[in-house]
Protein backbone atom coordinates (compact mmCIF):
# COMPACT_ATOMS: atom_id res chain seq x y z
CA UNK A 1 21.92 19.88 -48.17
CA UNK A 2 25.29 18.67 -46.64
CA UNK A 3 26.99 19.04 -49.99
CA UNK A 4 25.35 22.58 -50.41
CA UNK A 5 26.78 23.55 -47.13
CA UNK A 6 30.31 22.39 -47.81
CA UNK A 7 30.10 23.91 -51.36
CA UNK A 8 29.49 27.29 -49.72
CA UNK A 9 32.48 26.77 -47.56
CA UNK A 10 34.61 26.19 -50.60
CA UNK A 11 33.17 29.33 -52.31
CA UNK A 12 33.78 31.55 -49.37
CA UNK A 13 37.31 30.28 -49.17
CA UNK A 14 37.81 30.97 -52.83
CA UNK A 15 36.24 34.57 -53.02
CA UNK A 16 37.45 35.63 -49.49
CA UNK A 17 35.59 37.68 -46.91
CA UNK A 18 34.44 41.18 -47.25
CA UNK A 19 37.00 42.19 -44.70
CA UNK A 20 35.07 45.02 -43.15
CA UNK A 21 34.11 43.38 -39.80
CA UNK A 22 35.39 45.12 -36.71
CA UNK A 23 35.45 42.05 -34.55
CA UNK A 24 37.24 38.72 -35.01
CA UNK A 25 35.30 36.42 -37.32
CA UNK A 26 35.61 32.60 -37.79
CA UNK A 27 36.61 31.86 -34.29
CA UNK A 28 34.07 29.04 -33.52
CA UNK A 29 36.24 27.18 -31.10
CA UNK A 30 39.32 28.39 -29.05
CA UNK A 31 41.26 25.32 -29.98
CA UNK A 32 41.20 26.47 -33.62
CA UNK A 33 44.26 28.37 -32.33
CA UNK A 34 44.84 27.73 -28.76
CA UNK A 35 47.83 30.28 -28.41
CA UNK A 36 45.68 32.92 -29.80
CA UNK A 37 42.33 32.27 -28.41
CA UNK A 38 42.77 30.00 -25.35
CA UNK A 39 42.98 31.35 -21.85
CA UNK A 40 46.73 31.43 -20.92
CA UNK A 41 45.73 29.64 -17.51
CA UNK A 42 45.26 26.47 -19.59
CA UNK A 43 41.77 25.98 -18.12
CA UNK A 44 39.53 23.60 -20.07
CA UNK A 45 35.73 23.67 -20.51
CA UNK A 46 33.03 21.43 -21.79
CA UNK A 47 31.28 22.51 -25.06
CA UNK A 48 28.77 21.02 -27.52
CA UNK A 49 30.23 20.96 -31.04
CA UNK A 50 28.83 20.17 -34.52
CA UNK A 51 30.78 17.04 -35.90
CA UNK A 52 28.85 16.54 -39.10
CA UNK A 53 25.37 16.19 -40.26
CA UNK A 54 23.12 14.73 -37.49
CA UNK A 55 26.26 14.52 -35.19
CA UNK A 56 26.90 16.75 -32.17
CA UNK A 57 29.29 15.87 -29.29
CA UNK A 58 30.34 17.16 -25.93
CA UNK A 59 34.00 17.82 -26.10
CA UNK A 60 36.74 19.34 -23.84
CA UNK A 61 38.29 22.49 -25.29
CA UNK A 62 40.07 25.60 -24.07
CA UNK A 63 38.43 28.33 -22.04
CA UNK A 64 38.23 31.44 -24.26
CA UNK A 65 40.19 34.60 -23.40
CA UNK A 66 39.68 38.22 -23.98
CA UNK A 67 41.12 39.11 -27.39
CA UNK A 68 39.60 42.48 -28.02
CA UNK A 69 39.09 45.66 -25.83
CA UNK A 70 35.30 45.26 -25.47
CA UNK A 71 35.23 41.53 -24.96
CA UNK A 72 33.46 39.89 -22.08
CA UNK A 73 34.14 36.28 -20.89
CA UNK A 74 31.02 34.74 -19.36
CA UNK A 75 30.73 31.83 -17.02
CA UNK A 76 27.60 30.30 -18.63
CA UNK A 77 24.91 29.65 -16.06
CA UNK A 78 22.23 28.72 -18.55
CA UNK A 79 21.58 27.88 -22.18
CA UNK A 80 19.07 26.03 -24.09
CA UNK A 81 18.25 24.35 -27.42
CA UNK A 82 16.15 25.94 -30.10
CA UNK A 83 14.53 24.71 -33.25
CA UNK A 84 17.05 26.77 -35.20
CA UNK A 85 19.69 24.39 -33.70
CA UNK A 86 18.00 21.67 -35.38
CA UNK A 87 18.60 23.21 -38.77
CA UNK A 88 22.32 23.21 -37.76
CA UNK A 89 22.08 19.52 -36.73
CA UNK A 90 20.62 18.66 -40.05
CA UNK A 91 23.21 20.67 -42.01
CA UNK A 92 20.39 22.83 -43.42
CA UNK A 93 22.27 25.93 -42.46
CA UNK A 94 25.27 26.33 -44.80
CA UNK A 95 28.99 26.83 -43.90
CA UNK A 96 29.20 24.72 -40.69
CA UNK A 97 32.61 23.15 -40.02
CA UNK A 98 33.39 20.25 -37.73
CA UNK A 99 34.41 21.44 -34.22
CA UNK A 100 32.14 24.57 -34.31
CA UNK A 101 30.71 25.32 -30.79
CA UNK A 102 26.93 25.77 -31.02
CA UNK A 103 24.35 27.69 -29.10
CA UNK A 104 22.95 31.10 -29.55
CA UNK A 105 20.74 31.59 -26.40
CA UNK A 106 22.68 31.89 -23.10
CA UNK A 107 23.04 33.77 -19.87
CA UNK A 108 25.72 33.80 -17.19
CA UNK A 109 28.01 35.66 -14.83
CA UNK A 110 30.80 37.97 -15.79
CA UNK A 111 34.14 36.21 -15.37
CA UNK A 112 36.44 38.98 -17.06
CA UNK A 113 36.10 42.11 -19.25
CA UNK A 114 38.41 43.83 -21.60
CA UNK A 115 39.69 47.31 -20.86
CA UNK A 116 37.05 48.93 -23.00
CA UNK A 117 34.12 47.60 -21.07
CA UNK A 118 33.00 50.16 -18.34
CA UNK A 119 29.37 49.13 -17.63
CA UNK A 120 30.01 45.50 -16.46
CA UNK A 121 32.09 43.93 -13.68
CA UNK A 122 33.09 40.57 -12.51
CA UNK A 123 30.11 38.65 -11.03
CA UNK A 124 27.41 40.64 -12.76
CA UNK A 125 24.43 38.43 -13.93
CA UNK A 126 23.72 39.02 -17.63
CA UNK A 127 21.90 37.60 -20.67
CA UNK A 128 23.48 37.72 -24.13
CA UNK A 129 21.54 38.67 -27.35
CA UNK A 130 21.99 35.99 -29.97
CA UNK A 131 23.16 38.56 -32.34
CA UNK A 132 26.43 40.46 -31.98
CA UNK A 133 25.93 44.17 -32.68
CA UNK A 134 28.58 46.95 -32.73
CA UNK A 135 26.22 49.55 -31.25
CA UNK A 136 27.24 52.31 -33.56
CA UNK A 137 26.22 51.64 -37.27
CA UNK A 138 23.20 52.78 -39.09
CA UNK A 139 21.13 49.76 -37.89
CA UNK A 140 22.43 49.71 -34.39
CA UNK A 141 21.54 53.31 -33.90
CA UNK A 142 17.98 52.25 -34.43
CA UNK A 143 18.37 49.21 -32.19
CA UNK A 144 17.87 46.86 -35.23
CA UNK A 145 20.73 44.91 -33.84
CA UNK A 146 20.21 41.77 -36.02
CA UNK A 147 21.12 43.68 -39.07
CA UNK A 148 24.45 45.15 -37.75
CA UNK A 149 26.65 46.17 -40.57
CA UNK A 150 29.93 45.66 -38.92
CA UNK A 151 30.26 42.19 -37.17
CA UNK A 152 29.86 39.73 -40.02
CA UNK A 153 32.20 39.66 -42.97
CA UNK A 154 30.70 36.58 -44.72
CA UNK A 155 30.75 37.34 -48.50
CA UNK A 156 28.50 34.46 -49.46
CA UNK A 157 25.64 35.81 -47.39
CA UNK A 158 26.23 39.11 -48.81
CA UNK A 159 25.91 37.97 -52.26
CA UNK A 160 22.84 35.71 -51.55
CA UNK A 161 20.86 38.30 -49.62
CA UNK A 162 22.04 41.55 -50.98
CA UNK A 163 23.29 42.36 -47.53
CA UNK A 164 24.29 40.65 -44.31
CA UNK A 165 22.79 39.91 -40.97
CA UNK A 166 24.80 40.63 -37.83
CA UNK A 167 27.21 38.13 -36.57
CA UNK A 168 25.53 35.39 -34.41
CA UNK A 169 26.64 33.16 -31.78
CA UNK A 170 27.08 29.51 -32.70
CA UNK A 171 25.32 29.72 -36.00
CA UNK A 172 27.90 28.71 -38.62
CA UNK A 173 30.41 30.79 -40.59
CA UNK A 174 27.57 32.04 -42.73
CA UNK A 175 26.75 34.42 -39.82
CA UNK A 176 30.46 35.24 -39.05
CA UNK A 177 31.64 32.14 -37.29
CA UNK A 178 31.39 32.79 -33.55
CA UNK A 179 31.69 30.24 -30.88
CA UNK A 180 28.28 29.63 -29.21
CA UNK A 181 27.03 29.44 -25.67
CA UNK A 182 26.35 25.78 -25.34
CA UNK A 183 29.56 25.60 -23.24
CA UNK A 184 30.82 26.44 -19.84
CA UNK A 185 32.35 29.70 -20.89
CA UNK A 186 31.61 32.08 -23.79
CA UNK A 187 33.44 35.04 -25.31
CA UNK A 188 31.03 37.91 -26.01
CA UNK A 189 32.31 40.57 -28.43
CA UNK A 190 31.23 44.08 -27.72
CA UNK A 191 29.89 42.78 -24.41
CA UNK A 192 29.12 46.25 -23.15
CA UNK A 193 26.52 46.36 -26.06
CA UNK A 194 25.38 42.74 -26.29
CA UNK A 195 24.74 41.83 -22.72
CA UNK A 196 21.80 42.88 -20.54
CA UNK A 197 22.04 42.94 -16.77
CA UNK A 198 19.48 40.68 -14.99
CA UNK A 199 17.90 42.09 -11.84
CA UNK A 200 17.61 39.94 -8.75
CA UNK A 201 13.89 39.42 -9.12
CA UNK A 202 14.49 37.65 -12.47
CA UNK A 203 15.96 34.17 -12.24
CA UNK A 204 18.10 32.60 -15.00
CA UNK A 205 15.07 30.45 -15.88
CA UNK A 206 13.34 33.57 -17.00
CA UNK A 207 16.07 35.90 -18.05
CA UNK A 208 17.81 33.39 -20.28
CA UNK A 209 14.88 33.52 -22.84
CA UNK A 210 15.38 37.26 -23.48
CA UNK A 211 18.31 36.06 -25.44
CA UNK A 212 16.12 34.78 -28.29
CA UNK A 213 12.70 33.14 -28.02
CA UNK A 214 10.98 36.02 -26.27
CA UNK A 215 12.31 38.74 -28.51
CA UNK A 216 11.79 36.60 -31.67
CA UNK A 217 8.19 35.86 -30.64
CA UNK A 218 7.37 39.46 -29.81
CA UNK A 219 8.89 40.60 -33.09
CA UNK A 220 6.86 38.17 -34.98
CA UNK A 221 3.62 39.36 -33.44
CA UNK A 222 4.39 43.10 -33.55
CA UNK A 223 6.16 43.15 -36.96
CA UNK A 224 3.25 41.36 -38.70
CA UNK A 225 0.89 43.91 -37.04
CA UNK A 226 -1.27 41.88 -34.77
CA UNK A 227 -3.90 44.23 -33.33
CA UNK A 228 -7.10 44.53 -31.32
CA UNK A 229 -9.85 42.06 -32.79
CA UNK A 230 -7.62 40.13 -34.97
CA UNK A 231 -8.03 36.50 -35.77
CA UNK A 232 -4.49 34.81 -35.79
CA UNK A 233 -3.35 31.53 -37.05
CA UNK A 234 -0.06 30.22 -36.01
CA UNK A 235 1.80 27.39 -37.82
CA UNK A 236 3.96 25.47 -35.33
CA UNK A 237 3.25 24.90 -31.57
CA UNK A 238 6.91 24.88 -30.47
CA UNK A 239 8.18 27.54 -27.97
CA UNK A 240 8.03 30.36 -30.53
CA UNK A 241 4.54 29.44 -31.58
CA UNK A 242 3.36 29.02 -27.96
CA UNK A 243 4.77 32.43 -27.02
CA UNK A 244 3.35 34.11 -30.21
CA UNK A 245 -0.08 32.73 -28.99
CA UNK A 246 0.17 34.37 -25.61
CA UNK A 247 1.68 37.58 -27.08
CA UNK A 248 -1.17 37.85 -29.68
CA UNK A 249 -3.74 37.95 -26.86
CA UNK A 250 -1.63 40.44 -25.11
CA UNK A 251 -1.92 42.52 -28.37
CA UNK A 252 -5.69 42.22 -28.33
CA UNK A 253 -6.34 39.30 -30.73
CA UNK A 254 -9.91 37.98 -30.67
CA UNK A 255 -8.98 34.34 -31.44
CA UNK A 256 -5.74 32.45 -31.80
CA UNK A 257 -5.59 29.20 -33.79
CA UNK A 258 -2.38 27.03 -33.61
CA UNK A 259 -1.66 24.27 -36.06
CA UNK A 260 0.65 21.42 -35.80
CA UNK A 261 0.70 17.58 -36.12
CA UNK A 262 2.74 14.49 -36.81
CA UNK A 263 5.09 13.54 -34.03
CA UNK A 264 4.73 17.05 -32.53
CA UNK A 265 1.00 16.94 -32.11
CA UNK A 266 1.37 16.65 -28.35
CA UNK A 267 2.49 20.13 -28.24
CA UNK A 268 -0.99 21.42 -29.17
CA UNK A 269 -2.37 19.88 -25.92
CA UNK A 270 0.46 21.56 -24.07
CA UNK A 271 -0.27 25.00 -25.69
CA UNK A 272 -3.94 24.45 -24.91
CA UNK A 273 -3.34 23.55 -21.33
CA UNK A 274 -1.06 26.60 -20.69
CA UNK A 275 -3.35 29.03 -22.67
CA UNK A 276 -6.85 27.72 -22.66
CA UNK A 277 -8.24 30.36 -24.94
CA UNK A 278 -6.14 28.97 -27.84
CA UNK A 279 -7.80 26.85 -30.44
CA UNK A 280 -5.94 24.16 -32.16
CA UNK A 281 -5.78 22.23 -35.46
CA UNK A 282 -3.97 18.85 -35.71
CA UNK A 283 -3.36 18.61 -39.45
CA UNK A 284 -2.81 14.83 -39.27
CA UNK A 285 -6.41 14.25 -37.93
CA UNK A 286 -8.11 16.24 -40.65
CA UNK A 287 -10.63 14.09 -42.60
CA UNK A 288 -9.80 13.21 -46.08
CA UNK A 289 -10.51 16.13 -48.37
CA UNK A 290 -10.16 18.64 -45.61
CA UNK A 291 -7.08 20.93 -45.78
CA UNK A 292 -5.70 23.29 -43.20
CA UNK A 293 -6.91 26.14 -45.52
CA UNK A 294 -10.47 24.76 -45.80
CA UNK A 295 -10.54 24.06 -42.07
CA UNK A 296 -9.50 27.59 -41.20
CA UNK A 297 -12.07 29.17 -43.51
CA UNK A 298 -14.67 26.81 -41.92
CA UNK A 299 -13.70 28.06 -38.41
CA UNK A 300 -13.51 31.76 -39.49
CA UNK A 301 -15.40 33.39 -42.35
CA UNK A 302 -12.81 34.30 -45.01
CA UNK A 303 -10.04 32.81 -43.00
CA UNK A 304 -7.77 34.41 -40.20
CA UNK A 305 -6.67 38.13 -40.56
CA UNK A 306 -2.96 37.15 -39.68
CA UNK A 307 -0.88 34.09 -40.27
CA UNK A 308 2.38 33.54 -38.34
CA UNK A 309 4.97 31.07 -39.64
CA UNK A 310 6.65 29.62 -36.51
CA UNK A 311 7.92 26.20 -38.04
CA UNK A 312 10.71 26.52 -40.71
CA UNK A 313 11.33 25.81 -44.34
CA UNK A 314 13.20 22.45 -44.13
CA UNK A 315 10.33 20.26 -43.20
CA UNK A 316 8.66 19.06 -46.52
CA UNK A 317 5.38 17.17 -46.54
CA UNK A 318 5.00 16.30 -50.22
CA UNK A 319 7.07 14.00 -52.18
CA UNK A 320 7.98 16.69 -54.76
CA UNK A 321 9.50 19.02 -52.32
CA UNK A 322 11.15 16.23 -50.53
CA UNK A 323 12.89 15.29 -53.69
CA UNK A 324 13.88 18.77 -54.54
CA UNK A 325 15.37 19.36 -51.13
CA UNK A 326 17.27 16.05 -51.25
CA UNK A 327 18.80 17.00 -54.67
CA UNK A 328 19.58 20.54 -53.63
CA UNK A 329 17.18 21.99 -56.12
CA UNK A 330 15.81 24.17 -53.32
CA UNK A 331 16.92 24.84 -49.81
CA UNK A 332 13.54 25.45 -48.36
CA UNK A 333 9.94 24.12 -49.09
CA UNK A 334 7.16 26.59 -49.80
CA UNK A 335 4.32 24.40 -48.66
CA UNK A 336 3.64 26.09 -45.32
CA UNK A 337 3.99 29.58 -46.96
CA UNK A 338 1.49 28.69 -49.63
CA UNK A 339 -0.88 27.27 -47.07
CA UNK A 340 -0.82 30.46 -45.06
CA UNK A 341 -1.28 32.65 -48.20
CA UNK A 342 -4.39 30.69 -49.26
CA UNK A 343 -5.80 30.74 -45.62
CA UNK A 344 -5.79 34.32 -44.79
CA UNK A 345 -8.40 36.86 -45.73
CA UNK A 346 -7.81 39.01 -48.75
CA UNK A 347 -5.50 41.78 -47.70
CA UNK A 348 -4.38 39.57 -44.74
CA UNK A 349 -0.89 39.52 -43.13
CA UNK A 350 1.54 36.68 -43.34
CA UNK A 351 4.63 36.90 -41.22
CA UNK A 352 7.66 34.61 -41.66
CA UNK A 353 9.77 33.95 -38.43
CA UNK A 354 10.58 30.30 -38.81
CA UNK A 355 14.00 29.95 -40.48
CA UNK A 356 14.29 29.96 -44.37
CA UNK A 357 17.87 29.98 -45.64
CA UNK A 358 17.81 30.27 -49.30
CA UNK A 359 15.61 29.52 -52.18
CA UNK A 360 12.16 27.73 -52.63
CA UNK A 361 10.19 26.50 -55.64
CA UNK A 362 6.48 26.66 -56.53
CA UNK A 363 5.74 29.77 -54.44
CA UNK A 364 2.22 31.04 -54.87
CA UNK A 365 3.27 34.59 -55.97
CA UNK A 366 -0.04 35.05 -57.86
CA UNK A 367 -2.15 34.74 -54.88
CA UNK A 368 0.07 37.30 -53.05
CA UNK A 369 -0.43 39.86 -55.77
CA UNK A 370 -3.92 39.09 -56.81
CA UNK A 371 -5.47 39.00 -53.26
CA UNK A 372 -3.29 41.73 -51.88
CA UNK A 373 -1.56 39.54 -49.12
CA UNK A 374 0.91 41.34 -47.08
CA UNK A 375 3.91 38.94 -47.08
CA UNK A 376 6.30 39.99 -44.34
CA UNK A 377 9.73 38.60 -43.65
CA UNK A 378 10.04 39.28 -39.94
CA UNK A 379 13.91 39.05 -40.16
CA UNK A 380 16.16 37.76 -37.48
CA UNK A 381 14.50 39.52 -34.42
CA UNK A 382 16.32 42.64 -33.43
CA UNK A 383 16.83 41.69 -29.79
CA UNK A 384 18.04 45.07 -28.51
CA UNK A 385 14.83 46.78 -29.73
CA UNK A 386 12.79 44.64 -27.40
CA UNK A 387 14.57 43.12 -24.53
CA UNK A 388 14.42 45.98 -22.06
CA UNK A 389 10.64 46.17 -22.51
CA UNK A 390 10.25 42.51 -22.27
CA UNK A 391 12.28 42.29 -19.15
CA UNK A 392 9.81 44.72 -17.49
CA UNK A 393 6.84 42.57 -18.67
CA UNK A 394 8.51 39.56 -16.96
CA UNK A 395 8.93 41.69 -13.84
CA UNK A 396 5.36 43.00 -13.88
CA UNK A 397 3.85 39.51 -14.67
CA UNK A 398 2.13 40.71 -17.83
CA UNK A 399 4.39 38.20 -19.83
CA UNK A 400 4.74 34.58 -18.44
CA UNK A 401 7.66 32.70 -19.99
CA UNK A 402 7.25 29.79 -17.66
CA UNK A 403 4.47 28.35 -19.72
CA UNK A 404 6.99 26.96 -22.16
CA UNK A 405 9.61 25.76 -19.78
CA UNK A 406 9.34 21.91 -19.50
CA UNK A 407 12.77 20.48 -18.55
CA UNK A 408 16.14 21.07 -16.94
CA UNK A 409 19.09 19.04 -18.03
CA UNK A 410 22.84 19.04 -17.49
CA UNK A 411 25.07 20.34 -20.16
CA UNK A 412 26.98 17.07 -20.44
CA UNK A 413 23.81 15.39 -21.72
CA UNK A 414 23.17 17.85 -24.49
CA UNK A 415 24.17 15.47 -27.20
CA UNK A 416 21.32 13.34 -26.10
CA UNK A 417 19.08 16.27 -25.78
CA UNK A 418 19.57 17.09 -29.39
CA UNK A 419 18.53 13.69 -30.43
CA UNK A 420 15.37 13.67 -28.25
CA UNK A 421 14.51 17.32 -29.23
CA UNK A 422 14.87 16.41 -32.89
CA UNK A 423 12.51 13.42 -32.43
CA UNK A 424 10.03 15.57 -30.41
CA UNK A 425 10.38 13.00 -27.64
CA UNK A 426 9.69 13.13 -23.90
CA UNK A 427 7.48 16.16 -24.25
CA UNK A 428 10.41 18.38 -24.59
CA UNK A 429 9.25 21.97 -25.20
CA UNK A 430 11.74 24.54 -23.89
CA UNK A 431 14.69 23.36 -21.85
CA UNK A 432 17.00 24.99 -19.30
CA UNK A 433 20.48 23.62 -19.72
CA UNK A 434 22.56 24.09 -16.46
CA UNK A 435 26.38 23.99 -16.10
CA UNK A 436 28.65 23.73 -13.17
CA UNK A 437 28.34 27.42 -12.60
CA UNK A 438 24.43 27.43 -12.39
CA UNK A 439 22.40 28.25 -9.29
CA UNK A 440 20.00 25.68 -7.94
CA UNK A 441 16.59 25.63 -9.73
CA UNK A 442 14.44 28.67 -9.00
CA UNK A 443 11.07 28.01 -7.13
CA UNK A 444 8.49 26.68 -9.50
CA UNK A 445 10.86 25.54 -12.30
CA UNK A 446 11.57 22.02 -13.35
CA UNK A 447 13.90 19.78 -11.40
CA UNK A 448 16.89 18.12 -13.14
CA UNK A 449 16.10 15.40 -15.72
CA UNK A 450 18.79 12.89 -16.54
CA UNK A 451 18.82 10.20 -19.15
CA UNK A 452 21.88 8.41 -17.77
């Protein structure tokens, strides 16, 4: 996969960008050109950068500056790590370059604004959407912010997908090449569009997760059509899967069954503890001859109505897919997808939210057609469509994001956090990463963990 990633970089360089983005692309670290992107004060900041496959490091780099009229510079007060960050760590997402600042989920306080920003001022508490939207294109007018047409000029993505996603923070040059928020400062293009003010009754430890995980989980559940009386099966008991379980019940699901196993099996106990109505399947404990599909059909006649994929396509189980991934013959395994397709009732719904980057082999297209399976790519979640309503749900208590928050760590230990999170160690579920600008922990949230 590393070779595929670097090959994509060479292809992009050879064919050029589309040239139609209206904001600066491929600025993944202010020190790429300090005179152009670094703050003139010379102030430095700590940031987490990708340094090669399975190698991330905390470095000192320049504080970013306002370079466009609608830029906002944030003092980052909270960030986190996501399963999607592991795909970057592993080099599974193409077009990473050494020195790229990672992190697509962050909140903070406004440090400075460009002259075109009229709705924010210094000191405002805000959360950033993980995608960068212009606010004016065809998709943005419908609040489908993840598909903004004007913030990502990457031609390789355009060719592969027949269109492009919006630019995204800290998620490789494939999505525009924007410096991420696992840093002490972050530049937010079109900050008047891509930042949401946080009210005083919502601490950072809740507001941060409007950036991605809450919107992504809600989009998965709503877009796949979970409704009253449904039986829902969820593959993956990480933060997205855990929140999808809670949200499925909010939408009226009758039963929710969460599937996980291996070195992540402990997450099933966590999900069950926090949401006791959930049922679980540990696939590593199934007896010989019993599959996830057969177990689900044993638990529910015909299988679940809805299957939600909250894992990702890079984790192969069988030797065949492991070989094909290693040789670059596919970018994603179809094993979980096929398991979901064969598990749901005929005319059931399958929603894909875990990250799939490119191409897969051995996909059971016959079952999709013959049994009328509704196979739904949920897409990168359009945060702007949901975040105001989700904020209200956090305020009135109908949504509880605290069930996934397990740890609080210092930013200067993020390199260690990546290793432990990748190993599913220390019962790390969702983490709040503090910086020198963070407030003390809010009441009822985890105290600081240190591995030093």
